[in-house]
C-alpha atoms as a PDB file:
ATOM      1  CA  MET A   1      -1.086  27.115 -21.400  1.00  0.00           C
ATOM      2  CA  THR A   2       0.033  27.402 -18.031  1.00  0.00           C
ATOM      3  CA  MET A   3      -1.052  25.831 -14.721  1.00  0.00           C
ATOM      4  CA  GLN A   4      -1.284  27.319 -11.106  1.00  0.00           C
ATOM      5  CA  THR A   5      -1.231  24.375  -9.127  1.00  0.00           C
ATOM      6  CA  ASN A   6      -2.841  21.478  -7.536  1.00  0.00           C
ATOM      7  CA  ASN A   7      -3.682  19.691  -4.319  1.00  0.00           C
ATOM      8  CA  GLN A   8      -5.936  18.092  -2.664  1.00  0.00           C
ATOM      9  CA  ASN A   9      -9.629   7.740  -2.990  1.00  0.00           C
ATOM     10  CA  ASN A  10     -20.617  -5.078  -5.266  1.00  0.00           C
ATOM     11  CA  PRO A  11     -21.565  -3.551  -1.930  1.00  0.00           C
ATOM     12  CA  GLY A  12     -24.349  -4.649  -0.263  1.00  0.00           C
ATOM     13  CA  ASP A  13     -24.618  -8.679  -0.024  1.00  0.00           C
ATOM     14  CA  SER A  14     -21.321  -9.527  -0.934  1.00  0.00           C
ATOM     15  CA  LYS A  15     -19.249  -8.154   2.086  1.00  0.00           C
ATOM     16  CA  PRO A  16     -15.634 -10.504   2.987  1.00  0.00           C
ATOM     17  CA  SER A  17     -16.211 -12.339   5.417  1.00  0.00           C
ATOM     18  CA  SER A  18     -12.972 -13.756   7.647  1.00  0.00           C
ATOM     19  CA  SER A  19     -12.965 -16.713   6.057  1.00  0.00           C
ATOM     20  CA  GLN A  20     -13.219 -14.940   2.405  1.00  0.00           C
ATOM     21  CA  HIS A  21     -10.145 -12.655   3.362  1.00  0.00           C
ATOM     22  CA  GLY A  22      -8.073 -15.911   4.343  1.00  0.00           C
ATOM     23  CA  ARG A  23      -6.027 -13.895   6.648  1.00  0.00           C
ATOM     24  CA  ARG A  24      -3.434 -16.412   7.491  1.00  0.00           C
ATOM     25  CA  GLY A  25      -2.288 -16.603   4.136  1.00  0.00           C
ATOM     26  CA  PHE A  26      -2.970 -12.918   2.669  1.00  0.00           C
ATOM     27  CA  LEU A  27       0.480 -12.814   0.905  1.00  0.00           C
ATOM     28  CA  LYS A  28       0.121 -16.047  -0.942  1.00  0.00           C
ATOM     29  CA  ARG A  29      -0.117 -14.032  -4.074  1.00  0.00           C
ATOM     30  CA  ILE A  30       1.987 -11.125  -3.264  1.00  0.00           C
ATOM     31  CA  CYS A  31       3.456  -9.250  -6.403  1.00  0.00           C
ATOM     32  CA  ALA A  32       7.193 -10.638  -6.213  1.00  0.00           C
ATOM     33  CA  GLY A  33       7.836 -10.065  -9.562  1.00  0.00           C
ATOM     34  CA  GLY A  34       7.696  -6.329  -8.486  1.00  0.00           C
ATOM     35  CA  LEU A  35       8.730  -6.623  -4.610  1.00  0.00           C
ATOM     36  CA  ALA A  36      11.648  -8.800  -5.736  1.00  0.00           C
ATOM     37  CA  ALA A  37      12.871  -6.315  -8.288  1.00  0.00           C
ATOM     38  CA  ALA A  38      12.548  -3.537  -5.554  1.00  0.00           C
ATOM     39  CA  GLY A  39      14.119  -5.091  -2.844  1.00  0.00           C
ATOM     40  CA  LEU A  40      10.958  -5.141  -0.541  1.00  0.00           C
ATOM     41  CA  PRO A  41      10.435  -7.204   2.557  1.00  0.00           C
ATOM     42  CA  LEU A  42       8.500  -9.913   2.305  1.00  0.00           C
ATOM     43  CA  ALA A  43       6.533 -10.384   5.485  1.00  0.00           C
ATOM     44  CA  THR A  44       4.740  -7.110   5.229  1.00  0.00           C
ATOM     45  CA  THR A  45       3.109  -7.040   8.640  1.00  0.00           C
ATOM     46  CA  LYS A  46       5.955  -7.880  10.894  1.00  0.00           C
ATOM     47  CA  GLY A  47       5.557  -5.581  13.931  1.00  0.00           C
ATOM     48  CA  PHE A  48       1.678  -6.511  14.296  1.00  0.00           C
ATOM     49  CA  ALA A  49       3.031  -8.919  17.097  1.00  0.00           C
ATOM     50  CA  GLU A  50      -0.737  -9.197  17.762  1.00  0.00           C
ATOM     51  CA  GLU A  51      -1.402 -10.439  14.698  1.00  0.00           C
ATOM     52  CA  SER A  52       1.421 -12.846  14.199  1.00  0.00           C
ATOM     53  CA  GLU A  53      -1.280 -14.824  12.013  1.00  0.00           C
ATOM     54  CA  THR A  54      -0.708 -12.546   9.134  1.00  0.00           C
ATOM     55  CA  THR A  55       3.074 -13.278   8.046  1.00  0.00           C
ATOM     56  CA  ALA A  56       2.643 -15.914   5.919  1.00  0.00           C
ATOM     57  CA  PRO A  57       5.541 -16.948   3.508  1.00  0.00           C
ATOM     58  CA  VAL A  58       5.241 -15.800  -0.007  1.00  0.00           C
ATOM     59  CA  ILE A  59       4.034 -18.209  -2.686  1.00  0.00           C
ATOM     60  CA  ALA A  60       3.023 -18.115  -6.045  1.00  0.00           C
ATOM     61  CA  PRO A  61       3.383 -14.855  -6.779  1.00  0.00           C
ATOM     62  CA  GLY A  62       2.562 -13.171  -9.448  1.00  0.00           C
ATOM     63  CA  PRO A  63       2.078  -9.136 -11.353  1.00  0.00           C
ATOM     64  CA  ILE A  64       0.814  -6.431  -9.726  1.00  0.00           C
ATOM     65  CA  PRO A  65      -3.040  -6.050 -11.139  1.00  0.00           C
ATOM     66  CA  GLN A  66      -3.681  -3.706 -14.388  1.00  0.00           C
ATOM     67  CA  VAL A  67      -6.727  -2.110 -15.669  1.00  0.00           C
ATOM     68  CA  THR A  68      -7.312   0.237 -18.429  1.00  0.00           C
ATOM     69  CA  ILE A  69      -8.774   3.785 -17.402  1.00  0.00           C
ATOM     70  CA  ALA A  70      -9.539   5.937 -20.511  1.00  0.00           C
ATOM     71  CA  GLY A  71      -7.199   3.891 -22.816  1.00  0.00           C
ATOM     72  CA  VAL A  72      -4.440   4.067 -20.726  1.00  0.00           C
ATOM     73  CA  ARG A  73      -3.073   0.741 -18.910  1.00  0.00           C
ATOM     74  CA  ILE A  74      -2.086   1.797 -15.323  1.00  0.00           C
ATOM     75  CA  PRO A  75      -1.622  -0.661 -12.176  1.00  0.00           C
ATOM     76  CA  ARG A  76      -4.715  -1.038  -9.945  1.00  0.00           C
ATOM     77  CA  MET A  77      -3.327   0.908  -7.413  1.00  0.00           C
ATOM     78  CA  ILE A  78      -2.421   4.953  -7.776  1.00  0.00           C
ATOM     79  CA  ILE A  79      -0.101   6.661  -5.608  1.00  0.00           C
ATOM     80  CA  GLY A  80      -1.574   9.252  -3.684  1.00  0.00           C
ATOM     81  CA  SER A  81       0.440  12.752  -2.727  1.00  0.00           C
ATOM     82  CA  ASN A  82      -1.493  13.707   0.449  1.00  0.00           C
ATOM     83  CA  PRO A  83       1.488  12.601   2.844  1.00  0.00           C
ATOM     84  CA  ILE A  84       4.063  13.782   0.415  1.00  0.00           C
ATOM     85  CA  GLY A  85       2.205  17.318   0.422  1.00  0.00           C
ATOM     86  CA  GLY A  86       1.299  17.022   4.004  1.00  0.00           C
ATOM     87  CA  TRP A  87      -2.576  17.063   4.140  1.00  0.00           C
ATOM     88  CA  SER A  88      -3.399  14.440   6.847  1.00  0.00           C
ATOM     89  CA  HIS A  89      -7.017  14.810   7.310  1.00  0.00           C
ATOM     90  CA  ALA A  90      -6.400  14.524  11.065  1.00  0.00           C
ATOM     91  CA  VAL A  91      -4.785  16.788  13.277  1.00  0.00           C
ATOM     92  CA  PRO A  92      -2.380  20.015  12.492  1.00  0.00           C
ATOM     93  CA  ASN A  93       0.735  18.633  13.524  1.00  0.00           C
ATOM     94  CA  LEU A  94       0.511  15.310  11.719  1.00  0.00           C
ATOM     95  CA  SER A  95      -0.121  17.614   8.476  1.00  0.00           C
ATOM     96  CA  LEU A  96       3.420  18.999   9.598  1.00  0.00           C
ATOM     97  CA  ALA A  97       4.905  15.905  10.406  1.00  0.00           C
ATOM     98  CA  MET A  98       4.201  14.490   7.314  1.00  0.00           C
ATOM     99  CA  PRO A  99       6.311  16.728   4.513  1.00  0.00           C
ATOM    100  CA  ASP A 100       8.655  17.294   7.486  1.00  0.00           C
ATOM    101  CA  TYR A 101       9.584  13.491   6.742  1.00  0.00           C
ATOM    102  CA  PHE A 102       8.955  13.561   3.148  1.00  0.00           C
ATOM    103  CA  THR A 103      11.763  15.832   1.946  1.00  0.00           C
ATOM    104  CA  LEU A 104      12.591  15.985  -1.537  1.00  0.00           C
ATOM    105  CA  ASP A 105      15.026  13.656  -1.142  1.00  0.00           C
ATOM    106  CA  ARG A 106      12.920  10.846   0.281  1.00  0.00           C
ATOM    107  CA  THR A 107      10.501  11.371  -1.822  1.00  0.00           C
ATOM    108  CA  VAL A 108      12.634  10.847  -4.596  1.00  0.00           C
ATOM    109  CA  GLU A 109      13.603   7.533  -2.896  1.00  0.00           C
ATOM    110  CA  PHE A 110       9.721   6.316  -2.109  1.00  0.00           C
ATOM    111  CA  LEU A 111       8.902   7.294  -5.893  1.00  0.00           C
ATOM    112  CA  GLN A 112      12.183   5.077  -6.982  1.00  0.00           C
ATOM    113  CA  ARG A 113      10.616   2.106  -4.910  1.00  0.00           C
ATOM    114  CA  CYS A 114       7.136   2.499  -6.178  1.00  0.00           C
ATOM    115  CA  GLU A 115       8.370   2.042  -9.788  1.00  0.00           C
ATOM    116  CA  ARG A 116      10.644  -0.532  -9.195  1.00  0.00           C
ATOM    117  CA  SER A 117       7.681  -2.189  -7.197  1.00  0.00           C
ATOM    118  CA  GLY A 118       5.071  -1.846 -10.516  1.00  0.00           C
ATOM    119  CA  LEU A 119       3.523   1.531  -8.885  1.00  0.00           C
ATOM    120  CA  ASP A 120       4.198   4.026 -11.706  1.00  0.00           C
ATOM    121  CA  VAL A 121       1.475   6.294 -11.640  1.00  0.00           C
ATOM    122  CA  TRP A 122       1.563   9.068  -9.302  1.00  0.00           C
ATOM    123  CA  LEU A 123      -1.725  11.325  -8.409  1.00  0.00           C
ATOM    124  CA  SER A 124       0.994  14.311  -8.000  1.00  0.00           C
ATOM    125  CA  TYR A 125       0.385  18.109  -7.156  1.00  0.00           C
ATOM    126  CA  TRP A 126       1.168  21.181  -8.350  1.00  0.00           C
ATOM    127  CA  ALA A 127       4.159  22.212  -6.196  1.00  0.00           C
ATOM    128  CA  GLU A 128       7.966  22.807  -6.111  1.00  0.00           C
ATOM    129  CA  LYS A 129       8.833  19.605  -4.446  1.00  0.00           C
ATOM    130  CA  PRO A 130       6.502  17.259  -6.371  1.00  0.00           C
ATOM    131  CA  LEU A 131       7.993  18.817  -9.600  1.00  0.00           C
ATOM    132  CA  SER A 132      11.167  18.585  -8.380  1.00  0.00           C
ATOM    133  CA  ALA A 133      11.172  14.965  -8.089  1.00  0.00           C
ATOM    134  CA  LEU A 134       9.438  14.113 -11.327  1.00  0.00           C
ATOM    135  CA  LYS A 135      12.410  15.773 -12.897  1.00  0.00           C
ATOM    136  CA  ILE A 136      14.631  14.229 -10.881  1.00  0.00           C
ATOM    137  CA  LEU A 137      13.107  11.048 -11.414  1.00  0.00           C
ATOM    138  CA  TRP A 138      12.931  11.384 -15.350  1.00  0.00           C
ATOM    139  CA  ALA A 139      16.699  12.370 -15.920  1.00  0.00           C
ATOM    140  CA  GLN A 140      17.651   9.194 -13.790  1.00  0.00           C
ATOM    141  CA  GLY A 141      16.023   7.301 -16.359  1.00  0.00           C
ATOM    142  CA  TYR A 142      12.610   6.462 -14.073  1.00  0.00           C
ATOM    143  CA  LYS A 143       9.133   6.699 -16.088  1.00  0.00           C
ATOM    144  CA  MET A 144       6.801   7.347 -13.388  1.00  0.00           C
ATOM    145  CA  ARG A 145       3.620   8.955 -15.078  1.00  0.00           C
ATOM    146  CA  PRO A 146       1.631  11.595 -12.994  1.00  0.00           C
ATOM    147  CA  TYR A 147      -1.745  13.148 -13.287  1.00  0.00           C
ATOM    148  CA  PHE A 148      -2.833  16.247 -11.849  1.00  0.00           C
ATOM    149  CA  LEU A 149      -6.281  17.471 -10.295  1.00  0.00           C
ATOM    150  CA  GLY A 150      -7.519  21.082 -11.269  1.00  0.00           C
ATOM    151  CA  THR A 151     -10.070  23.664 -11.690  1.00  0.00           C
ATOM    152  CA  LEU A 152     -11.016  26.587 -13.934  1.00  0.00           C
ATOM    153  CA  ASN A 153     -10.297  29.874 -12.962  1.00  0.00           C
ATOM    154  CA  ALA A 154     -12.372  33.162 -12.946  1.00  0.00           C
ATOM    155  CA  LYS A 155     -11.231  33.918 -16.766  1.00  0.00           C
ATOM    156  CA  GLY A 156     -12.472  29.962 -17.741  1.00  0.00           C
ATOM    157  CA  GLN A 157      -8.310  29.076 -17.830  1.00  0.00           C
ATOM    158  CA  LEU A 158      -7.331  25.961 -16.574  1.00  0.00           C
ATOM    159  CA  LEU A 159      -5.111  25.902 -13.223  1.00  0.00           C
ATOM    160  CA  GLY A 160      -4.533  24.061 -10.639  1.00  0.00           C
ATOM    161  CA  ALA A 161      -6.189  24.514  -7.235  1.00  0.00           C
ATOM    162  CA  GLU A 162      -3.760  26.710  -4.488  1.00  0.00           C
ATOM    163  CA  SER A 163      -0.201  27.236  -5.678  1.00  0.00           C
ATOM    164  CA  GLY A 164       1.127  30.053  -7.572  1.00  0.00           C
ATOM    165  CA  ILE A 165       3.776  27.776 -10.114  1.00  0.00           C
ATOM    166  CA  ASP A 166       3.839  28.941 -13.332  1.00  0.00           C
ATOM    167  CA  ASP A 167       4.608  26.027 -15.370  1.00  0.00           C
ATOM    168  CA  ASP A 168       3.314  24.587 -18.674  1.00  0.00           C
ATOM    169  CA  ILE A 169       1.511  20.962 -17.978  1.00  0.00           C
ATOM    170  CA  ARG A 170       2.464  19.663 -21.284  1.00  0.00           C
ATOM    171  CA  LEU A 171       6.091  19.394 -19.899  1.00  0.00           C
ATOM    172  CA  TYR A 172       4.975  16.867 -17.263  1.00  0.00           C
ATOM    173  CA  LYS A 173       2.879  14.627 -19.644  1.00  0.00           C
ATOM    174  CA  PRO A 174       0.002  13.950 -17.206  1.00  0.00           C
ATOM    175  CA  ILE A 175      -1.955  10.664 -18.448  1.00  0.00           C
ATOM    176  CA  PHE A 176      -5.361  12.365 -16.957  1.00  0.00           C
ATOM    177  CA  TYR A 177      -6.784  15.824 -16.007  1.00  0.00           C
ATOM    178  CA  VAL A 178      -9.083  15.953 -12.840  1.00  0.00           C
ATOM    179  CA  HIS A 179     -11.611  18.313 -11.566  1.00  0.00           C
ATOM    180  CA  HIS A 180     -10.387  18.861  -7.935  1.00  0.00           C
ATOM    181  CA  GLY A 181     -12.948  17.274  -5.645  1.00  0.00           C
ATOM    182  CA  ASN A 182     -13.117  19.642  -2.999  1.00  0.00           C
ATOM    183  CA  VAL A 183     -13.997  22.692  -5.833  1.00  0.00           C
ATOM    184  CA  THR A 184     -16.525  20.039  -7.594  1.00  0.00           C
ATOM    185  CA  ASP A 185     -18.837  19.584  -4.052  1.00  0.00           C
ATOM    186  CA  PHE A 186     -18.645  23.206  -3.271  1.00  0.00           C
ATOM    187  CA  LEU A 187     -19.468  24.418  -6.969  1.00  0.00           C
ATOM    188  CA  PHE A 188     -22.156  21.654  -6.978  1.00  0.00           C
ATOM    189  CA  SER A 189     -23.723  22.633  -3.636  1.00  0.00           C
ATOM    190  CA  ALA A 190     -23.334  26.122  -4.962  1.00  0.00           C
ATOM    191  CA  GLY A 191     -25.513  25.470  -7.833  1.00  0.00           C
ATOM    192  CA  LYS A 192     -22.602  26.187 -10.572  1.00  0.00           C
ATOM    193  CA  GLN A 193     -21.722  22.563 -11.455  1.00  0.00           C
ATOM    194  CA  GLU A 194     -21.791  23.787 -15.135  1.00  0.00           C
ATOM    195  CA  ARG A 195     -18.453  25.085 -14.678  1.00  0.00           C
ATOM    196  CA  VAL A 196     -17.577  21.750 -13.924  1.00  0.00           C
ATOM    197  CA  HIS A 197     -18.682  20.545 -16.667  1.00  0.00           C
ATOM    198  CA  ASP A 198     -16.717  23.553 -18.559  1.00  0.00           C
ATOM    199  CA  PHE A 199     -13.629  22.071 -16.831  1.00  0.00           C
ATOM    200  CA  VAL A 200     -14.115  18.898 -18.581  1.00  0.00           C
ATOM    201  CA  LYS A 201     -14.680  20.179 -22.213  1.00  0.00           C
ATOM    202  CA  LYS A 202     -11.318  22.372 -21.814  1.00  0.00           C
ATOM    203  CA  VAL A 203      -9.044  19.431 -20.937  1.00  0.00           C
ATOM    204  CA  HIS A 204     -10.403  17.824 -24.108  1.00  0.00           C
ATOM    205  CA  ASP A 205     -10.157  21.029 -26.072  1.00  0.00           C
ATOM    206  CA  ASP A 206      -6.781  22.545 -24.710  1.00  0.00           C
ATOM    207  CA  LEU A 207      -4.687  19.582 -23.648  1.00  0.00           C
ATOM    208  CA  GLY A 208      -6.655  16.382 -25.712  1.00  0.00           C
ATOM    209  CA  ILE A 209      -6.018  13.957 -22.850  1.00  0.00           C
ATOM    210  CA  PRO A 210      -8.726  12.143 -20.344  1.00  0.00           C
ATOM    211  CA  ALA A 211     -10.570  14.657 -18.296  1.00  0.00           C
ATOM    212  CA  GLY A 212     -12.318  13.308 -14.983  1.00  0.00           C
ATOM    213  CA  VAL A 213     -14.111  14.769 -12.322  1.00  0.00           C
ATOM    214  CA  SER A 214     -13.709  14.100  -8.402  1.00  0.00           C
ATOM    215  CA  ALA A 215     -16.137  14.359  -5.974  1.00  0.00           C
ATOM    216  CA  HIS A 216     -16.567  13.491  -2.276  1.00  0.00           C
ATOM    217  CA  ASN A 217     -20.758  13.587  -2.616  1.00  0.00           C
ATOM    218  CA  PRO A 218     -21.836  10.557  -4.581  1.00  0.00           C
ATOM    219  CA  ASP A 219     -24.906  12.724  -5.804  1.00  0.00           C
ATOM    220  CA  ASN A 220     -22.641  14.703  -7.617  1.00  0.00           C
ATOM    221  CA  ILE A 221     -21.429  11.727  -9.838  1.00  0.00           C
ATOM    222  CA  LYS A 222     -25.119  10.748 -10.132  1.00  0.00           C
ATOM    223  CA  TYR A 223     -25.671  13.869 -11.287  1.00  0.00           C
ATOM    224  CA  ILE A 224     -23.232  13.764 -14.212  1.00  0.00           C
ATOM    225  CA  GLU A 225     -24.185  10.862 -15.335  1.00  0.00           C
ATOM    226  CA  ASP A 226     -27.788  11.464 -15.832  1.00  0.00           C
ATOM    227  CA  HIS A 227     -26.970  14.720 -17.647  1.00  0.00           C
ATOM    228  CA  GLY A 228     -24.603  12.494 -19.960  1.00  0.00           C
ATOM    229  CA  TRP A 229     -21.272  14.512 -19.666  1.00  0.00           C
ATOM    230  CA  GLU A 230     -18.238  13.639 -21.707  1.00  0.00           C
ATOM    231  CA  VAL A 231     -15.968  12.641 -19.006  1.00  0.00           C
ATOM    232  CA  ASP A 232     -13.512   9.886 -19.568  1.00  0.00           C
ATOM    233  CA  LEU A 233     -13.290   9.056 -15.460  1.00  0.00           C
ATOM    234  CA  TYR A 234     -14.284   9.846 -11.998  1.00  0.00           C
ATOM    235  CA  GLN A 235     -12.030   9.979  -8.917  1.00  0.00           C
ATOM    236  CA  THR A 236     -14.425   8.930  -6.101  1.00  0.00           C
ATOM    237  CA  CYS A 237     -14.007   9.316  -2.241  1.00  0.00           C
ATOM    238  CA  LEU A 238     -15.540   6.573  -0.147  1.00  0.00           C
ATOM    239  CA  TYR A 239     -16.262   9.320   2.193  1.00  0.00           C
ATOM    240  CA  TYR A 240     -18.400  12.375   1.893  1.00  0.00           C
ATOM    241  CA  VAL A 241     -15.986  14.351   4.102  1.00  0.00           C
ATOM    242  CA  THR A 242     -17.130  18.093   2.302  1.00  0.00           C
ATOM    243  CA  ARG A 243     -20.478  16.969   3.666  1.00  0.00           C
ATOM    244  CA  PRO A 244     -21.835  20.358   5.423  1.00  0.00           C
ATOM    245  CA  LYS A 245     -22.499  20.563   9.199  1.00  0.00           C
ATOM    246  CA  GLU A 246     -26.029  21.373   8.748  1.00  0.00           C
ATOM    247  CA  GLU A 247     -27.100  18.702   7.337  1.00  0.00           C
ATOM    248  CA  ILE A 248     -24.626  16.515   9.740  1.00  0.00           C
ATOM    249  CA  ARG A 249     -26.730  18.558  12.554  1.00  0.00           C
ATOM    250  CA  ALA A 250     -30.268  17.301  10.795  1.00  0.00           C
ATOM    251  CA  LYS A 251     -29.314  14.023  10.333  1.00  0.00           C
ATOM    252  CA  LEU A 252     -27.676  13.258  14.121  1.00  0.00           C
ATOM    253  CA  GLY A 253     -28.590  16.339  16.136  1.00  0.00           C
ATOM    254  CA  THR A 254     -24.947  17.181  16.319  1.00  0.00           C
ATOM    255  CA  ALA A 255     -21.948  17.260  14.498  1.00  0.00           C
ATOM    256  CA  MET A 256     -18.219  15.792  14.660  1.00  0.00           C
ATOM    257  CA  LEU A 257     -15.233  17.969  15.285  1.00  0.00           C
ATOM    258  CA  GLY A 258     -13.604  18.018  12.448  1.00  0.00           C
ATOM    259  CA  GLU A 259     -14.099  16.519   9.252  1.00  0.00           C
ATOM    260  CA  PRO A 260     -16.649  13.814   9.305  1.00  0.00           C
ATOM    261  CA  PHE A 261     -15.999  10.167   8.271  1.00  0.00           C
ATOM    262  CA  LEU A 262     -19.786   8.249   8.268  1.00  0.00           C
ATOM    263  CA  GLU A 263     -19.683   4.480   8.193  1.00  0.00           C
ATOM    264  CA  SER A 264     -22.445   4.409   5.971  1.00  0.00           C
ATOM    265  CA  ASP A 265     -20.644   6.647   3.310  1.00  0.00           C
ATOM    266  CA  ARG A 266     -18.615   3.909   1.897  1.00  0.00           C
ATOM    267  CA  ASP A 267     -21.520   1.904   0.903  1.00  0.00           C
ATOM    268  CA  ASN A 268     -23.242   4.929  -0.537  1.00  0.00           C
ATOM    269  CA  MET A 269     -20.177   5.621  -2.881  1.00  0.00           C
ATOM    270  CA  LEU A 270     -19.298   1.991  -3.273  1.00  0.00           C
ATOM    271  CA  LYS A 271     -22.920   1.587  -4.680  1.00  0.00           C
ATOM    272  CA  VAL A 272     -22.563   4.716  -7.466  1.00  0.00           C
ATOM    273  CA  ILE A 273     -19.419   3.107  -8.720  1.00  0.00           C
ATOM    274  CA  GLN A 274     -20.920  -0.086  -8.934  1.00  0.00           C
ATOM    275  CA  GLN A 275     -23.810   1.869 -11.347  1.00  0.00           C
ATOM    276  CA  VAL A 276     -21.943   3.824 -13.421  1.00  0.00           C
ATOM    277  CA  GLN A 277     -20.094   2.712 -16.606  1.00  0.00           C
ATOM    278  CA  LYS A 278     -17.179   4.905 -16.473  1.00  0.00           C
ATOM    279  CA  PRO A 279     -13.892   3.618 -14.855  1.00  0.00           C
ATOM    280  CA  CYS A 280     -13.489   4.900 -11.195  1.00  0.00           C
ATOM    281  CA  LEU A 281     -10.287   5.587  -9.217  1.00  0.00           C
ATOM    282  CA  ALA A 282     -11.703   4.979  -5.326  1.00  0.00           C
ATOM    283  CA  PHE A 283      -9.383   7.155  -2.957  1.00  0.00           C
ATOM    284  CA  LYS A 284      -9.512   7.527   0.916  1.00  0.00           C
ATOM    285  CA  ILE A 285      -9.956   3.614   1.042  1.00  0.00           C
ATOM    286  CA  LEU A 286      -8.603   3.994   4.433  1.00  0.00           C
ATOM    287  CA  ALA A 287     -10.292   6.640   5.909  1.00  0.00           C
ATOM    288  CA  ALA A 288      -7.164   9.233   6.032  1.00  0.00           C
ATOM    289  CA  GLY A 289      -5.909   6.360   8.165  1.00  0.00           C
ATOM    290  CA  ARG A 290      -8.891   5.532  10.582  1.00  0.00           C
ATOM    291  CA  HIS A 291      -8.822   2.103   9.067  1.00  0.00           C
ATOM    292  CA  CYS A 292      -5.364   1.755  10.225  1.00  0.00           C
ATOM    293  CA  GLU A 293      -5.086   1.004  13.696  1.00  0.00           C
ATOM    294  CA  THR A 294      -3.940  -2.751  13.033  1.00  0.00           C
ATOM    295  CA  GLY A 295      -2.644  -4.712   9.970  1.00  0.00           C
ATOM    296  CA  ARG A 296      -5.565  -6.168  10.088  1.00  0.00           C
ATOM    297  CA  SER A 297      -8.042  -3.273   9.899  1.00  0.00           C
ATOM    298  CA  VAL A 298      -5.948  -2.131   6.530  1.00  0.00           C
ATOM    299  CA  GLU A 299      -6.041  -5.240   5.013  1.00  0.00           C
ATOM    300  CA  ASP A 300     -10.317  -5.401   5.703  1.00  0.00           C
ATOM    301  CA  ALA A 301      -9.772  -1.922   3.915  1.00  0.00           C
ATOM    302  CA  PHE A 302      -8.340  -2.977   1.131  1.00  0.00           C
ATOM    303  CA  ALA A 303     -10.936  -6.252   0.634  1.00  0.00           C
ATOM    304  CA  TYR A 304     -13.776  -4.384   1.184  1.00  0.00           C
ATOM    305  CA  ALA A 305     -12.791  -1.507  -0.831  1.00  0.00           C
ATOM    306  CA  LEU A 306     -11.204  -4.125  -4.079  1.00  0.00           C
ATOM    307  CA  THR A 307     -14.536  -6.221  -3.767  1.00  0.00           C
ATOM    308  CA  GLY A 308     -16.670  -3.307  -3.867  1.00  0.00           C
ATOM    309  CA  ILE A 309     -15.466  -1.476  -7.050  1.00  0.00           C
ATOM    310  CA  LYS A 310     -15.792  -3.030 -10.781  1.00  0.00           C
ATOM    311  CA  LYS A 311     -13.326  -4.798 -12.269  1.00  0.00           C
ATOM    312  CA  THR A 312     -12.147  -1.937 -14.067  1.00  0.00           C
ATOM    313  CA  ASP A 313     -11.881   0.420 -11.405  1.00  0.00           C
ATOM    314  CA  ALA A 314      -8.813   1.132  -9.195  1.00  0.00           C
ATOM    315  CA  VAL A 315      -7.765   2.584  -5.992  1.00  0.00           C
ATOM    316  CA  ILE A 316      -5.852   5.711  -4.804  1.00  0.00           C
ATOM    317  CA  VAL A 317      -3.721   5.118  -1.803  1.00  0.00           C
ATOM    318  CA  GLY A 318      -1.139   7.258   0.247  1.00  0.00           C
ATOM    319  CA  PHE A 319       1.697   5.958   1.858  1.00  0.00           C
ATOM    320  CA  TRP A 320       3.828   7.323   5.078  1.00  0.00           C
ATOM    321  CA  PRO A 321       6.589   4.716   5.177  1.00  0.00           C
ATOM    322  CA  LYS A 322       8.183   6.458   8.249  1.00  0.00           C
ATOM    323  CA  PHE A 323       7.364   3.493  11.151  1.00  0.00           C
ATOM    324  CA  LYS A 324       6.625   0.671   8.753  1.00  0.00           C
ATOM    325  CA  ASP A 325       6.704  -0.572   5.339  1.00  0.00           C
ATOM    326  CA  GLU A 326       3.586   0.319   4.033  1.00  0.00           C
ATOM    327  CA  LEU A 327       4.348  -0.316   0.352  1.00  0.00           C
ATOM    328  CA  SER A 328       5.233  -3.932   0.700  1.00  0.00           C
ATOM    329  CA  GLN A 329       1.952  -4.430   2.593  1.00  0.00           C
ATOM    330  CA  ASN A 330      -0.132  -2.626   0.400  1.00  0.00           C
ATOM    331  CA  ILE A 331       0.919  -3.932  -2.790  1.00  0.00           C
ATOM    332  CA  GLY A 332       0.492  -7.464  -0.755  1.00  0.00           C
ATOM    333  CA  PHE A 333      -2.885  -6.825  -0.220  1.00  0.00           C
ATOM    334  CA  LEU A 334      -3.819  -5.184  -3.412  1.00  0.00           C
ATOM    335  CA  CYS A 335      -2.463  -8.663  -5.252  1.00  0.00           C
ATOM    336  CA  GLN A 336      -4.669 -10.462  -2.973  1.00  0.00           C
ATOM    337  CA  TYR A 337      -7.853  -8.878  -3.267  1.00  0.00           C
ATOM    338  CA  GLY A 338      -7.489  -7.051  -6.553  1.00  0.00           C
ATOM    339  CA  SER A 339      -5.765  -9.649  -9.025  1.00  0.00           C
ATOM    340  CA  PRO A 340      -8.563 -10.770 -11.701  1.00  0.00           C
ATOM    341  CA  ALA A 341     -10.654 -13.872 -10.403  1.00  0.00           C
END
């Protein structure tokens, strides 16, 4: 079987407060086992002069939190691919700048550092650069584990979403195969949701690996649950960025330029994540950079997501380390808010 591509993240009464965050010591539980091995700096918010209180020293280190998703033990933070692929969900120039920074060499170096830090699962995509990076990593002895998004073509065959590269997905040993979220939302809105169901069944039958569905619209996850589809996991976006413009105008009387990132969307999806028994991979927890204005806002977003999902769930986070050490910072937040109680 060949594949043609892929591209492209308890609410309610328990919102994290400033005292819950413990901002002066957010790195007290940072994962030095992984960070030290990777040679990562310990003061992860250096450079945020206005937030010097968050540069507390590292104490009481521990391992990176883990969860089991569809029988596979993984870190509770998955490496995203949007910055590597150049999908900023912002403006075109930023989308061009991201892959300009992430050359093949830098992609390999970054993934090496991730794995040395304890992050060894990558939501990759089906294109020459990421597939080459995986081959280079494995030839060097690294064990990076990918998974992919995909769809069905008009003939009902498994394929990726956007490129024309023809290769056998089995060569890359993905741990999961998940239906592409944008396509999920489109098919559901068109009344063709059974094509998504067919994808899940095809993955099980042809590949024999866990199959999932990604969606931005929480109603689509509810539908799948109500109809008892045999999905192994969900990939759940905290923002309904595929919401039709006419729906937004009906709600607000107008519509924003570009993709909609509405404040209430996060709680809506977190409620669904709490309700479903299947494990969920929450993505866009940083609202495609909109929560990244300061180190504190990043911390708040991590805390909100990790305390809002189930203990059995994980998050997907994209990194763009051009201007600061996001890897160290985000691992610190993961350990602070995502470790078992």
